[in-house]
Amino acid sequence: MDGIHIIPMTENEVYSIAALEKECFSSPWSKEGLKDELENENARFFVAVNSGEVLGYIGCILVCGEGSITNIAVYKSARRCGVASRLLERLIEAVKSENASFLFLEVRKSNEAAIKLYEKFGFLVCGERKNFYTAPLEDAYIMKLTF
């Protein structure tokens, strides 16, 4: 996985990302929803690619100096290879460069691997959202990274 590149999302990656959404989430974003984010001036989406193959992606909405991560997903075949870390690193770099003060996200309380990843980058639990996720119903932690 030495050839991983993190690039801004374009329409070329939308179909692969939509397939990844279906693999990872019970309520996946549609191709149309992802395409809409290409036109959203507040959206920052990045894709991890290796030899033209999409490995994962991360998305964020940045408004008034606060970023909110919408999703981060990596294909099962590319997990545990540092792809999520590289994506998160690139997004943090991008929002910092735009003078953001905070970056927020929600994560399933049972998703220990993701929580450890976010903690590694300095995110702290700052709240909870009851019944935030469906299929299955589960609470979420709200995590925050302050710059």
C-alpha atoms as a PDB file:
ATOM      1  CA  MET A   1       0.000   0.000   0.000  1.00  0.00           C
ATOM      2  CA  ASP A   2       2.964   2.331  -0.537  1.00  0.00           C
ATOM      3  CA  GLY A   3       1.242   3.992  -3.487  1.00  0.00           C
ATOM      4  CA  ILE A   4      -1.673   5.497  -1.551  1.00  0.00           C
ATOM      5  CA  HIS A   5      -2.576   9.014  -2.598  1.00  0.00           C
ATOM      6  CA  ILE A   6      -5.131  11.236  -0.893  1.00  0.00           C
ATOM      7  CA  ILE A   7      -6.913  13.405  -3.440  1.00  0.00           C
ATOM      8  CA  PRO A   8      -9.964  15.678  -3.427  1.00  0.00           C
ATOM      9  CA  MET A   9     -13.108  13.774  -4.440  1.00  0.00           C
ATOM     10  CA  THR A  10     -14.240  14.234  -8.034  1.00  0.00           C
ATOM     11  CA  GLU A  11     -17.143  12.809  -9.968  1.00  0.00           C
ATOM     12  CA  ASN A  12     -14.791  10.016 -11.131  1.00  0.00           C
ATOM     13  CA  GLU A  13     -14.797   8.481  -7.628  1.00  0.00           C
ATOM     14  CA  VAL A  14     -18.504   8.859  -6.818  1.00  0.00           C
ATOM     15  CA  TYR A  15     -19.569   5.399  -8.037  1.00  0.00           C
ATOM     16  CA  SER A  16     -16.840   3.625  -6.064  1.00  0.00           C
ATOM     17  CA  ILE A  17     -17.625   5.666  -2.966  1.00  0.00           C
ATOM     18  CA  ALA A  18     -21.347   4.898  -3.285  1.00  0.00           C
ATOM     19  CA  ALA A  19     -20.488   1.179  -3.436  1.00  0.00           C
ATOM     20  CA  LEU A  20     -18.264   1.605  -0.379  1.00  0.00           C
ATOM     21  CA  GLU A  21     -21.116   3.326   1.453  1.00  0.00           C
ATOM     22  CA  LYS A  22     -23.333   0.291   0.773  1.00  0.00           C
ATOM     23  CA  GLU A  23     -20.623  -2.044   2.091  1.00  0.00           C
ATOM     24  CA  CYS A  24     -20.089  -0.091   5.306  1.00  0.00           C
ATOM     25  CA  PHE A  25     -23.323   1.585   6.375  1.00  0.00           C
ATOM     26  CA  SER A  26     -26.927   0.592   6.999  1.00  0.00           C
ATOM     27  CA  SER A  27     -28.076   4.005   5.664  1.00  0.00           C
ATOM     28  CA  PRO A  28     -25.642   4.671   2.815  1.00  0.00           C
ATOM     29  CA  TRP A  29     -25.305   7.919   0.905  1.00  0.00           C
ATOM     30  CA  SER A  30     -26.530   7.678  -2.680  1.00  0.00           C
ATOM     31  CA  LYS A  31     -24.518   8.542  -5.782  1.00  0.00           C
ATOM     32  CA  GLU A  32     -26.710  11.619  -6.146  1.00  0.00           C
ATOM     33  CA  GLY A  33     -26.067  12.698  -2.556  1.00  0.00           C
ATOM     34  CA  LEU A  34     -22.331  12.333  -3.053  1.00  0.00           C
ATOM     35  CA  LYS A  35     -22.467  14.256  -6.335  1.00  0.00           C
ATOM     36  CA  ASP A  36     -24.350  17.052  -4.571  1.00  0.00           C
ATOM     37  CA  GLU A  37     -21.416  17.445  -2.178  1.00  0.00           C
ATOM     38  CA  LEU A  38     -19.170  18.242  -5.143  1.00  0.00           C
ATOM     39  CA  GLU A  39     -21.228  21.430  -5.590  1.00  0.00           C
ATOM     40  CA  ASN A  40     -21.344  22.271  -1.860  1.00  0.00           C
ATOM     41  CA  GLU A  41     -18.856  25.064  -1.152  1.00  0.00           C
ATOM     42  CA  ASN A  42     -18.767  23.996   2.516  1.00  0.00           C
ATOM     43  CA  ALA A  43     -17.925  20.353   1.772  1.00  0.00           C
ATOM     44  CA  ARG A  44     -14.411  18.933   1.930  1.00  0.00           C
ATOM     45  CA  PHE A  45     -14.213  15.341   0.667  1.00  0.00           C
ATOM     46  CA  PHE A  46     -11.023  13.358   0.126  1.00  0.00           C
ATOM     47  CA  VAL A  47     -10.437   9.937  -1.403  1.00  0.00           C
ATOM     48  CA  ALA A  48      -7.632   7.430  -0.820  1.00  0.00           C
ATOM     49  CA  VAL A  49      -6.572   5.799  -4.075  1.00  0.00           C
ATOM     50  CA  ASN A  50      -3.914   3.266  -4.993  1.00  0.00           C
ATOM     51  CA  SER A  51      -3.183   2.576  -8.667  1.00  0.00           C
ATOM     52  CA  GLY A  52      -6.515   4.201  -9.586  1.00  0.00           C
ATOM     53  CA  GLU A  53      -8.496   2.046  -7.143  1.00  0.00           C
ATOM     54  CA  VAL A  54     -10.583   3.762  -4.461  1.00  0.00           C
ATOM     55  CA  LEU A  55      -9.652   2.434  -1.011  1.00  0.00           C
ATOM     56  CA  GLY A  56     -11.652   4.807   1.172  1.00  0.00           C
ATOM     57  CA  TYR A  57     -12.889   8.327   1.676  1.00  0.00           C
ATOM     58  CA  ILE A  58     -13.630  10.991   4.261  1.00  0.00           C
ATOM     59  CA  GLY A  59     -16.033  13.908   4.158  1.00  0.00           C
ATOM     60  CA  CYS A  60     -16.515  17.039   6.208  1.00  0.00           C
ATOM     61  CA  ILE A  61     -18.770  20.076   6.216  1.00  0.00           C
ATOM     62  CA  LEU A  62     -16.970  23.251   7.270  1.00  0.00           C
ATOM     63  CA  VAL A  63     -19.072  26.218   8.408  1.00  0.00           C
ATOM     64  CA  CYS A  64     -18.059  29.266  10.457  1.00  0.00           C
ATOM     65  CA  GLY A  65     -14.772  27.753  11.551  1.00  0.00           C
ATOM     66  CA  GLU A  66     -16.274  24.463  12.704  1.00  0.00           C
ATOM     67  CA  GLY A  67     -15.921  21.201  10.828  1.00  0.00           C
ATOM     68  CA  SER A  68     -18.199  18.206  11.122  1.00  0.00           C
ATOM     69  CA  ILE A  69     -17.047  14.883   9.704  1.00  0.00           C
ATOM     70  CA  THR A  70     -19.926  13.333   7.796  1.00  0.00           C
ATOM     71  CA  ASN A  71     -18.349   9.948   7.068  1.00  0.00           C
ATOM     72  CA  ILE A  72     -15.131   8.048   6.927  1.00  0.00           C
ATOM     73  CA  ALA A  73     -15.078   4.635   5.299  1.00  0.00           C
ATOM     74  CA  VAL A  74     -12.469   2.185   4.046  1.00  0.00           C
ATOM     75  CA  TYR A  75     -13.079  -0.942   1.992  1.00  0.00           C
ATOM     76  CA  LYS A  76     -12.669  -4.083   4.111  1.00  0.00           C
ATOM     77  CA  SER A  77      -9.848  -5.265   1.864  1.00  0.00           C
ATOM     78  CA  ALA A  78      -7.841  -2.082   2.637  1.00  0.00           C
ATOM     79  CA  ARG A  79      -8.405  -1.875   6.391  1.00  0.00           C
ATOM     80  CA  ARG A  80      -5.567  -2.016   8.903  1.00  0.00           C
ATOM     81  CA  CYS A  81      -3.179  -0.542   6.339  1.00  0.00           C
ATOM     82  CA  GLY A  82      -3.241   3.059   7.543  1.00  0.00           C
ATOM     83  CA  VAL A  83      -5.795   4.303   5.013  1.00  0.00           C
ATOM     84  CA  ALA A  84      -8.180   5.796   7.602  1.00  0.00           C
ATOM     85  CA  SER A  85      -5.268   7.503   9.380  1.00  0.00           C
ATOM     86  CA  ARG A  86      -4.040   9.027   6.131  1.00  0.00           C
ATOM     87  CA  LEU A  87      -7.534  10.274   5.286  1.00  0.00           C
ATOM     88  CA  LEU A  88      -8.058  11.771   8.731  1.00  0.00           C
ATOM     89  CA  GLU A  89      -4.620  13.376   8.653  1.00  0.00           C
ATOM     90  CA  ARG A  90      -5.372  15.024   5.281  1.00  0.00           C
ATOM     91  CA  LEU A  91      -8.765  16.299   6.410  1.00  0.00           C
ATOM     92  CA  ILE A  92      -7.331  17.757   9.625  1.00  0.00           C
ATOM     93  CA  GLU A  93      -4.634  19.479   7.572  1.00  0.00           C
ATOM     94  CA  ALA A  94      -7.284  20.928   5.239  1.00  0.00           C
ATOM     95  CA  VAL A  95      -9.596  22.299   7.930  1.00  0.00           C
ATOM     96  CA  LYS A  96      -6.656  23.698   9.916  1.00  0.00           C
ATOM     97  CA  SER A  97      -5.473  25.528   6.788  1.00  0.00           C
ATOM     98  CA  GLU A  98      -8.892  27.186   6.643  1.00  0.00           C
ATOM     99  CA  ASN A  99      -8.531  28.385  10.246  1.00  0.00           C
ATOM    100  CA  ALA A 100     -11.123  26.040  11.730  1.00  0.00           C
ATOM    101  CA  SER A 101     -11.286  25.996  15.523  1.00  0.00           C
ATOM    102  CA  PHE A 102     -12.936  22.603  15.980  1.00  0.00           C
ATOM    103  CA  LEU A 103     -13.633  19.344  14.230  1.00  0.00           C
ATOM    104  CA  PHE A 104     -16.558  17.204  15.419  1.00  0.00           C
ATOM    105  CA  LEU A 105     -17.803  13.715  14.609  1.00  0.00           C
ATOM    106  CA  GLU A 106     -20.252  11.101  15.824  1.00  0.00           C
ATOM    107  CA  VAL A 107     -19.257   7.485  16.263  1.00  0.00           C
ATOM    108  CA  ARG A 108     -21.157   4.392  17.357  1.00  0.00           C
ATOM    109  CA  LYS A 109     -20.403   3.690  21.009  1.00  0.00           C
ATOM    110  CA  SER A 110     -19.573   0.089  20.056  1.00  0.00           C
ATOM    111  CA  ASN A 111     -17.048   1.049  17.352  1.00  0.00           C
ATOM    112  CA  GLU A 112     -13.928   0.635  19.480  1.00  0.00           C
ATOM    113  CA  ALA A 113     -11.504   0.636  16.546  1.00  0.00           C
ATOM    114  CA  ALA A 114     -12.787   3.979  15.263  1.00  0.00           C
ATOM    115  CA  ILE A 115     -12.819   5.505  18.741  1.00  0.00           C
ATOM    116  CA  LYS A 116      -9.174   4.490  19.235  1.00  0.00           C
ATOM    117  CA  LEU A 117      -8.268   6.010  15.874  1.00  0.00           C
ATOM    118  CA  TYR A 118      -9.945   9.310  16.730  1.00  0.00           C
ATOM    119  CA  GLU A 119      -8.335   9.386  20.177  1.00  0.00           C
ATOM    120  CA  LYS A 120      -4.940   8.834  18.527  1.00  0.00           C
ATOM    121  CA  PHE A 121      -5.513  12.101  16.648  1.00  0.00           C
ATOM    122  CA  GLY A 122      -6.554  13.954  19.812  1.00  0.00           C
ATOM    123  CA  PHE A 123     -10.333  13.747  19.615  1.00  0.00           C
ATOM    124  CA  LEU A 124     -12.079  13.661  22.996  1.00  0.00           C
ATOM    125  CA  VAL A 125     -15.596  12.536  23.867  1.00  0.00           C
ATOM    126  CA  CYS A 126     -17.619  15.655  24.618  1.00  0.00           C
ATOM    127  CA  GLY A 127     -21.184  14.290  24.595  1.00  0.00           C
ATOM    128  CA  GLU A 128     -23.616  11.625  23.479  1.00  0.00           C
ATOM    129  CA  ARG A 129     -26.564  11.382  21.094  1.00  0.00           C
ATOM    130  CA  LYS A 130     -29.196   8.889  22.224  1.00  0.00           C
ATOM    131  CA  ASN A 131     -30.507   6.542  19.515  1.00  0.00           C
ATOM    132  CA  PHE A 132     -28.480   8.406  16.877  1.00  0.00           C
ATOM    133  CA  TYR A 133     -27.905   5.353  14.692  1.00  0.00           C
ATOM    134  CA  THR A 134     -30.485   2.983  13.262  1.00  0.00           C
ATOM    135  CA  ALA A 135     -30.183  -0.572  11.923  1.00  0.00           C
ATOM    136  CA  PRO A 136     -29.172  -1.349  14.611  1.00  0.00           C
ATOM    137  CA  LEU A 137     -30.380   1.326  16.985  1.00  0.00           C
ATOM    138  CA  GLU A 138     -27.430   2.655  18.963  1.00  0.00           C
ATOM    139  CA  ASP A 139     -26.204   5.715  20.826  1.00  0.00           C
ATOM    140  CA  ALA A 140     -23.313   7.783  19.488  1.00  0.00           C
ATOM    141  CA  TYR A 141     -20.439   9.536  21.147  1.00  0.00           C
ATOM    142  CA  ILE A 142     -19.816  13.072  19.998  1.00  0.00           C
ATOM    143  CA  MET A 143     -16.082  13.593  19.715  1.00  0.00           C
ATOM    144  CA  LYS A 144     -14.267  16.904  19.295  1.00  0.00           C
ATOM    145  CA  LEU A 145     -10.804  17.939  18.210  1.00  0.00           C
ATOM    146  CA  THR A 146      -9.804  21.485  19.157  1.00  0.00           C
ATOM    147  CA  PHE A 147      -7.110  23.299  17.157  1.00  0.00           C
END
